[in-house]
Amino acid sequence: MAKYYVNKNAQANGDHEVHKEGCVWLPLVGNRIYLGSFTNCKSAVREAKKYYTQVNGCYYCSRDCHTS
């Protein structure tokens, strides 16, 4: 299982991106919320939607959950 985080800062399009621990684009500690350990990004995105309505997976570390 991997640890996942959601970025507190939205992207220009309003998305709050979900990142896996170790991602080069993982936000700084003060700019992220720990979501928990999950076997896949879909579960992490579902958890992130408890914090933000507009959520997307990171293109680099959670590509299965990234939408254009």
PDB file of N, CA and C in Angstrom:
ATOM      1  N   MET A   1       0.842  -1.186   0.000  1.00  0.00           N
ATOM      2  CA  MET A   1       0.000   0.000   0.000  1.00  0.00           C
ATOM      3  C   MET A   1       0.884   1.244   0.000  1.00  0.00           C
ATOM      4  N   ALA A   2       0.361   2.276  -0.587  1.00  0.00           N
ATOM      5  CA  ALA A   2       1.103   3.533  -0.678  1.00  0.00           C
ATOM      6  C   ALA A   2       0.382   4.626   0.098  1.00  0.00           C
ATOM      7  N   LYS A   3       1.157   5.604   0.563  1.00  0.00           N
ATOM      8  CA  LYS A   3       0.585   6.749   1.272  1.00  0.00           C
ATOM      9  C   LYS A   3       0.216   7.815   0.235  1.00  0.00           C
ATOM     10  N   TYR A   4      -0.970   8.388   0.405  1.00  0.00           N
ATOM     11  CA  TYR A   4      -1.464   9.394  -0.535  1.00  0.00           C
ATOM     12  C   TYR A   4      -1.770  10.702   0.180  1.00  0.00           C
ATOM     13  N   TYR A   5      -1.641  11.784  -0.586  1.00  0.00           N
ATOM     14  CA  TYR A   5      -1.879  13.129  -0.082  1.00  0.00           C
ATOM     15  C   TYR A   5      -2.671  13.915  -1.121  1.00  0.00           C
ATOM     16  N   VAL A   6      -3.408  14.925  -0.656  1.00  0.00           N
ATOM     17  CA  VAL A   6      -4.076  15.837  -1.576  1.00  0.00           C
ATOM     18  C   VAL A   6      -3.494  17.228  -1.364  1.00  0.00           C
ATOM     19  N   ASN A   7      -3.291  17.924  -2.457  1.00  0.00           N
ATOM     20  CA  ASN A   7      -2.753  19.275  -2.430  1.00  0.00           C
ATOM     21  C   ASN A   7      -3.829  20.235  -1.935  1.00  0.00           C
ATOM     22  N   LYS A   8      -3.510  21.041  -0.921  1.00  0.00           N
ATOM     23  CA  LYS A   8      -4.453  22.041  -0.411  1.00  0.00           C
ATOM     24  C   LYS A   8      -4.660  23.161  -1.428  1.00  0.00           C
ATOM     25  N   ASN A   9      -3.662  23.395  -2.260  1.00  0.00           N
ATOM     26  CA  ASN A   9      -3.728  24.461  -3.262  1.00  0.00           C
ATOM     27  C   ASN A   9      -4.260  23.902  -4.568  1.00  0.00           C
ATOM     28  N   ALA A  10      -5.302  24.515  -5.069  1.00  0.00           N
ATOM     29  CA  ALA A  10      -5.897  24.064  -6.330  1.00  0.00           C
ATOM     30  C   ALA A  10      -5.027  24.465  -7.516  1.00  0.00           C
ATOM     31  N   GLN A  11      -5.101  23.663  -8.568  1.00  0.00           N
ATOM     32  CA  GLN A  11      -4.451  23.998  -9.838  1.00  0.00           C
ATOM     33  C   GLN A  11      -5.235  25.160 -10.473  1.00  0.00           C
ATOM     34  N   ALA A  12      -4.747  25.688 -11.568  1.00  0.00           N
ATOM     35  CA  ALA A  12      -5.402  26.805 -12.249  1.00  0.00           C
ATOM     36  C   ALA A  12      -6.841  26.463 -12.651  1.00  0.00           C
ATOM     37  N   ASN A  13      -7.095  25.182 -12.931  1.00  0.00           N
ATOM     38  CA  ASN A  13      -8.439  24.765 -13.348  1.00  0.00           C
ATOM     39  C   ASN A  13      -9.343  24.409 -12.161  1.00  0.00           C
ATOM     40  N   GLY A  14      -8.830  24.544 -10.939  1.00  0.00           N
ATOM     41  CA  GLY A  14      -9.630  24.274  -9.748  1.00  0.00           C
ATOM     42  C   GLY A  14      -9.440  22.892  -9.139  1.00  0.00           C
ATOM     43  N   ASP A  15      -8.674  22.029  -9.804  1.00  0.00           N
ATOM     44  CA  ASP A  15      -8.439  20.671  -9.295  1.00  0.00           C
ATOM     45  C   ASP A  15      -7.487  20.683  -8.095  1.00  0.00           C
ATOM     46  N   HIS A  16      -7.801  19.857  -7.112  1.00  0.00           N
ATOM     47  CA  HIS A  16      -6.878  19.549  -6.020  1.00  0.00           C
ATOM     48  C   HIS A  16      -6.302  18.185  -6.356  1.00  0.00           C
ATOM     49  N   GLU A  17      -5.010  18.127  -6.608  1.00  0.00           N
ATOM     50  CA  GLU A  17      -4.394  16.890  -7.089  1.00  0.00           C
ATOM     51  C   GLU A  17      -4.009  15.942  -5.958  1.00  0.00           C
ATOM     52  N   VAL A  18      -4.228  14.657  -6.224  1.00  0.00           N
ATOM     53  CA  VAL A  18      -3.855  13.584  -5.311  1.00  0.00           C
ATOM     54  C   VAL A  18      -2.495  13.045  -5.744  1.00  0.00           C
ATOM     55  N   HIS A  19      -1.578  12.930  -4.773  1.00  0.00           N
ATOM     56  CA  HIS A  19      -0.221  12.468  -5.037  1.00  0.00           C
ATOM     57  C   HIS A  19       0.126  11.281  -4.152  1.00  0.00           C
ATOM     58  N   LYS A  20       0.961  10.421  -4.698  1.00  0.00           N
ATOM     59  CA  LYS A  20       1.507   9.288  -3.951  1.00  0.00           C
ATOM     60  C   LYS A  20       2.821   9.735  -3.316  1.00  0.00           C
ATOM     61  N   GLU A  21       3.094   9.233  -2.109  1.00  0.00           N
ATOM     62  CA  GLU A  21       4.353   9.549  -1.441  1.00  0.00           C
ATOM     63  C   GLU A  21       5.522   9.211  -2.361  1.00  0.00           C
ATOM     64  N   GLY A  22       6.477  10.113  -2.450  1.00  0.00           N
ATOM     65  CA  GLY A  22       7.640   9.924  -3.309  1.00  0.00           C
ATOM     66  C   GLY A  22       7.528  10.632  -4.645  1.00  0.00           C
ATOM     67  N   CYS A  23       6.346  11.150  -4.974  1.00  0.00           N
ATOM     68  CA  CYS A  23       6.156  11.875  -6.237  1.00  0.00           C
ATOM     69  C   CYS A  23       7.010  13.137  -6.237  1.00  0.00           C
ATOM     70  N   VAL A  24       7.626  13.439  -7.373  1.00  0.00           N
ATOM     71  CA  VAL A  24       8.437  14.653  -7.467  1.00  0.00           C
ATOM     72  C   VAL A  24       7.579  15.912  -7.346  1.00  0.00           C
ATOM     73  N   TRP A  25       6.272  15.805  -7.593  1.00  0.00           N
ATOM     74  CA  TRP A  25       5.358  16.946  -7.521  1.00  0.00           C
ATOM     75  C   TRP A  25       4.580  16.986  -6.211  1.00  0.00           C
ATOM     76  N   LEU A  26       4.948  16.145  -5.245  1.00  0.00           N
ATOM     77  CA  LEU A  26       4.292  16.134  -3.942  1.00  0.00           C
ATOM     78  C   LEU A  26       4.445  17.509  -3.297  1.00  0.00           C
ATOM     79  N   PRO A  27       3.328  18.121  -2.873  1.00  0.00           N
ATOM     80  CA  PRO A  27       3.421  19.459  -2.259  1.00  0.00           C
ATOM     81  C   PRO A  27       4.215  19.435  -0.951  1.00  0.00           C
ATOM     82  N   LEU A  28       4.676  20.596  -0.549  1.00  0.00           N
ATOM     83  CA  LEU A  28       5.356  20.743   0.727  1.00  0.00           C
ATOM     84  C   LEU A  28       4.417  20.336   1.861  1.00  0.00           C
ATOM     85  N   VAL A  29       4.962  19.956   2.989  1.00  0.00           N
ATOM     86  CA  VAL A  29       4.180  19.445   4.126  1.00  0.00           C
ATOM     87  C   VAL A  29       3.030  20.379   4.494  1.00  0.00           C
ATOM     88  N   GLY A  30       3.258  21.675   4.497  1.00  0.00           N
ATOM     89  CA  GLY A  30       2.214  22.630   4.863  1.00  0.00           C
ATOM     90  C   GLY A  30       1.121  22.797   3.828  1.00  0.00           C
ATOM     91  N   ASN A  31       1.338  22.268   2.632  1.00  0.00           N
ATOM     92  CA  ASN A  31       0.377  22.438   1.539  1.00  0.00           C
ATOM     93  C   ASN A  31      -0.332  21.148   1.150  1.00  0.00           C
ATOM     94  N   ARG A  32      -0.327  20.160   2.040  1.00  0.00           N
ATOM     95  CA  ARG A  32      -0.960  18.895   1.691  1.00  0.00           C
ATOM     96  C   ARG A  32      -1.704  18.315   2.889  1.00  0.00           C
ATOM     97  N   ILE A  33      -2.653  17.451   2.588  1.00  0.00           N
ATOM     98  CA  ILE A  33      -3.420  16.733   3.599  1.00  0.00           C
ATOM     99  C   ILE A  33      -3.155  15.250   3.392  1.00  0.00           C
ATOM    100  N   TYR A  34      -2.773  14.575   4.471  1.00  0.00           N
ATOM    101  CA  TYR A  34      -2.552  13.129   4.401  1.00  0.00           C
ATOM    102  C   TYR A  34      -3.901  12.430   4.300  1.00  0.00           C
ATOM    103  N   LEU A  35      -4.052  11.583   3.296  1.00  0.00           N
ATOM    104  CA  LEU A  35      -5.312  10.875   3.069  1.00  0.00           C
ATOM    105  C   LEU A  35      -5.324   9.483   3.682  1.00  0.00           C
ATOM    106  N   GLY A  36      -4.157   8.861   3.766  1.00  0.00           N
ATOM    107  CA  GLY A  36      -4.052   7.509   4.298  1.00  0.00           C
ATOM    108  C   GLY A  36      -3.290   6.613   3.345  1.00  0.00           C
ATOM    109  N   SER A  37      -3.227   5.327   3.697  1.00  0.00           N
ATOM    110  CA  SER A  37      -2.570   4.328   2.847  1.00  0.00           C
ATOM    111  C   SER A  37      -3.631   3.565   2.073  1.00  0.00           C
ATOM    112  N   PHE A  38      -3.427   3.451   0.777  1.00  0.00           N
ATOM    113  CA  PHE A  38      -4.390   2.796  -0.103  1.00  0.00           C
ATOM    114  C   PHE A  38      -3.675   1.893  -1.094  1.00  0.00           C
ATOM    115  N   THR A  39      -4.398   0.910  -1.596  1.00  0.00           N
ATOM    116  CA  THR A  39      -3.835   0.004  -2.593  1.00  0.00           C
ATOM    117  C   THR A  39      -3.883   0.605  -3.990  1.00  0.00           C
ATOM    118  N   ASN A  40      -4.696   1.662  -4.179  1.00  0.00           N
ATOM    119  CA  ASN A  40      -4.786   2.302  -5.492  1.00  0.00           C
ATOM    120  C   ASN A  40      -5.212   3.752  -5.353  1.00  0.00           C
ATOM    121  N   CYS A  41      -5.015   4.503  -6.425  1.00  0.00           N
ATOM    122  CA  CYS A  41      -5.323   5.925  -6.387  1.00  0.00           C
ATOM    123  C   CYS A  41      -6.824   6.194  -6.349  1.00  0.00           C
ATOM    124  N   LYS A  42      -7.628   5.282  -6.857  1.00  0.00           N
ATOM    125  CA  LYS A  42      -9.082   5.503  -6.863  1.00  0.00           C
ATOM    126  C   LYS A  42      -9.623   5.646  -5.446  1.00  0.00           C
ATOM    127  N   SER A  43      -9.126   4.832  -4.539  1.00  0.00           N
ATOM    128  CA  SER A  43      -9.542   4.936  -3.136  1.00  0.00           C
ATOM    129  C   SER A  43      -9.062   6.252  -2.534  1.00  0.00           C
ATOM    130  N   ALA A  44      -7.866   6.686  -2.907  1.00  0.00           N
ATOM    131  CA  ALA A  44      -7.326   7.948  -2.399  1.00  0.00           C
ATOM    132  C   ALA A  44      -8.123   9.133  -2.927  1.00  0.00           C
ATOM    133  N   VAL A  45      -8.510   9.100  -4.186  1.00  0.00           N
ATOM    134  CA  VAL A  45      -9.324  10.177  -4.763  1.00  0.00           C
ATOM    135  C   VAL A  45     -10.684  10.238  -4.066  1.00  0.00           C
ATOM    136  N   ARG A  46     -11.263   9.102  -3.796  1.00  0.00           N
ATOM    137  CA  ARG A  46     -12.547   9.051  -3.084  1.00  0.00           C
ATOM    138  C   ARG A  46     -12.410   9.706  -1.705  1.00  0.00           C
ATOM    139  N   GLU A  47     -11.309   9.431  -1.020  1.00  0.00           N
ATOM    140  CA  GLU A  47     -11.058  10.035   0.293  1.00  0.00           C
ATOM    141  C   GLU A  47     -10.848  11.542   0.159  1.00  0.00           C
ATOM    142  N   ALA A  48     -10.134  11.979  -0.860  1.00  0.00           N
ATOM    143  CA  ALA A  48      -9.861  13.405  -1.076  1.00  0.00           C
ATOM    144  C   ALA A  48     -11.145  14.187  -1.326  1.00  0.00           C
ATOM    145  N   LYS A  49     -12.148  13.529  -1.898  1.00  0.00           N
ATOM    146  CA  LYS A  49     -13.425  14.205  -2.173  1.00  0.00           C
ATOM    147  C   LYS A  49     -14.199  14.516  -0.896  1.00  0.00           C
ATOM    148  N   LYS A  50     -13.741  14.003   0.233  1.00  0.00           N
ATOM    149  CA  LYS A  50     -14.317  14.385   1.526  1.00  0.00           C
ATOM    150  C   LYS A  50     -13.851  15.787   1.918  1.00  0.00           C
ATOM    151  N   TYR A  51     -12.745  16.233   1.310  1.00  0.00           N
ATOM    152  CA  TYR A  51     -12.187  17.556   1.595  1.00  0.00           C
ATOM    153  C   TYR A  51     -12.508  18.572   0.501  1.00  0.00           C
ATOM    154  N   TYR A  52     -12.476  18.123  -0.745  1.00  0.00           N
ATOM    155  CA  TYR A  52     -12.670  19.021  -1.894  1.00  0.00           C
ATOM    156  C   TYR A  52     -13.591  18.349  -2.912  1.00  0.00           C
ATOM    157  N   THR A  53     -14.429  19.136  -3.579  1.00  0.00           N
ATOM    158  CA  THR A  53     -15.334  18.561  -4.570  1.00  0.00           C
ATOM    159  C   THR A  53     -14.636  18.322  -5.903  1.00  0.00           C
ATOM    160  N   GLN A  54     -13.650  19.144  -6.222  1.00  0.00           N
ATOM    161  CA  GLN A  54     -12.947  19.012  -7.500  1.00  0.00           C
ATOM    162  C   GLN A  54     -11.566  18.417  -7.248  1.00  0.00           C
ATOM    163  N   VAL A  55     -11.432  17.123  -7.529  1.00  0.00           N
ATOM    164  CA  VAL A  55     -10.211  16.371  -7.246  1.00  0.00           C
ATOM    165  C   VAL A  55      -9.768  15.633  -8.506  1.00  0.00           C
ATOM    166  N   ASN A  56      -8.460  15.502  -8.676  1.00  0.00           N
ATOM    167  CA  ASN A  56      -7.910  14.795  -9.824  1.00  0.00           C
ATOM    168  C   ASN A  56      -6.622  14.093  -9.379  1.00  0.00           C
ATOM    169  N   GLY A  57      -6.304  12.991 -10.000  1.00  0.00           N
ATOM    170  CA  GLY A  57      -5.047  12.302  -9.731  1.00  0.00           C
ATOM    171  C   GLY A  57      -3.904  12.990 -10.450  1.00  0.00           C
ATOM    172  N   CYS A  58      -2.747  12.976  -9.842  1.00  0.00           N
ATOM    173  CA  CYS A  58      -1.542  13.535 -10.460  1.00  0.00           C
ATOM    174  C   CYS A  58      -1.218  12.760 -11.742  1.00  0.00           C
ATOM    175  N   TYR A  59      -0.888  13.484 -12.790  1.00  0.00           N
ATOM    176  CA  TYR A  59      -0.550  12.862 -14.072  1.00  0.00           C
ATOM    177  C   TYR A  59       0.671  11.949 -13.938  1.00  0.00           C
ATOM    178  N   TYR A  60       1.592  12.284 -13.037  1.00  0.00           N
ATOM    179  CA  TYR A  60       2.860  11.558 -12.935  1.00  0.00           C
ATOM    180  C   TYR A  60       2.820  10.371 -11.978  1.00  0.00           C
ATOM    181  N   CYS A  61       2.131  10.498 -10.848  1.00  0.00           N
ATOM    182  CA  CYS A  61       2.185   9.412  -9.857  1.00  0.00           C
ATOM    183  C   CYS A  61       0.839   8.685  -9.677  1.00  0.00           C
ATOM    184  N   SER A  62      -0.229   9.255 -10.181  1.00  0.00           N
ATOM    185  CA  SER A  62      -1.558   8.650 -10.043  1.00  0.00           C
ATOM    186  C   SER A  62      -2.279   8.709 -11.384  1.00  0.00           C
ATOM    187  N   ARG A  63      -1.574   8.322 -12.427  1.00  0.00           N
ATOM    188  CA  ARG A  63      -2.072   8.478 -13.796  1.00  0.00           C
ATOM    189  C   ARG A  63      -3.393   7.756 -14.035  1.00  0.00           C
ATOM    190  N   ASP A  64      -3.618   6.628 -13.369  1.00  0.00           N
ATOM    191  CA  ASP A  64      -4.884   5.906 -13.538  1.00  0.00           C
ATOM    192  C   ASP A  64      -6.082   6.739 -13.113  1.00  0.00           C
ATOM    193  N   CYS A  65      -5.837   7.733 -12.266  1.00  0.00           N
ATOM    194  CA  CYS A  65      -6.922   8.573 -11.751  1.00  0.00           C
ATOM    195  C   CYS A  65      -6.883   9.987 -12.332  1.00  0.00           C
ATOM    196  N   HIS A  66      -5.994  10.219 -13.269  1.00  0.00           N
ATOM    197  CA  HIS A  66      -5.881  11.547 -13.879  1.00  0.00           C
ATOM    198  C   HIS A  66      -6.860  11.671 -15.041  1.00  0.00           C
ATOM    199  N   THR A  67      -7.625  12.753 -15.018  1.00  0.00           N
ATOM    200  CA  THR A  67      -8.522  13.047 -16.138  1.00  0.00           C
ATOM    201  C   THR A  67      -8.101  14.364 -16.764  1.00  0.00           C
ATOM    202  N   SER A  68      -8.314  14.502 -18.032  1.00  0.00           N
ATOM    203  CA  SER A  68      -7.901  15.729 -18.748  1.00  0.00           C
ATOM    204  C   SER A  68      -8.759  16.902 -18.388  1.00  0.00           C
TER     205      SER A  68
END
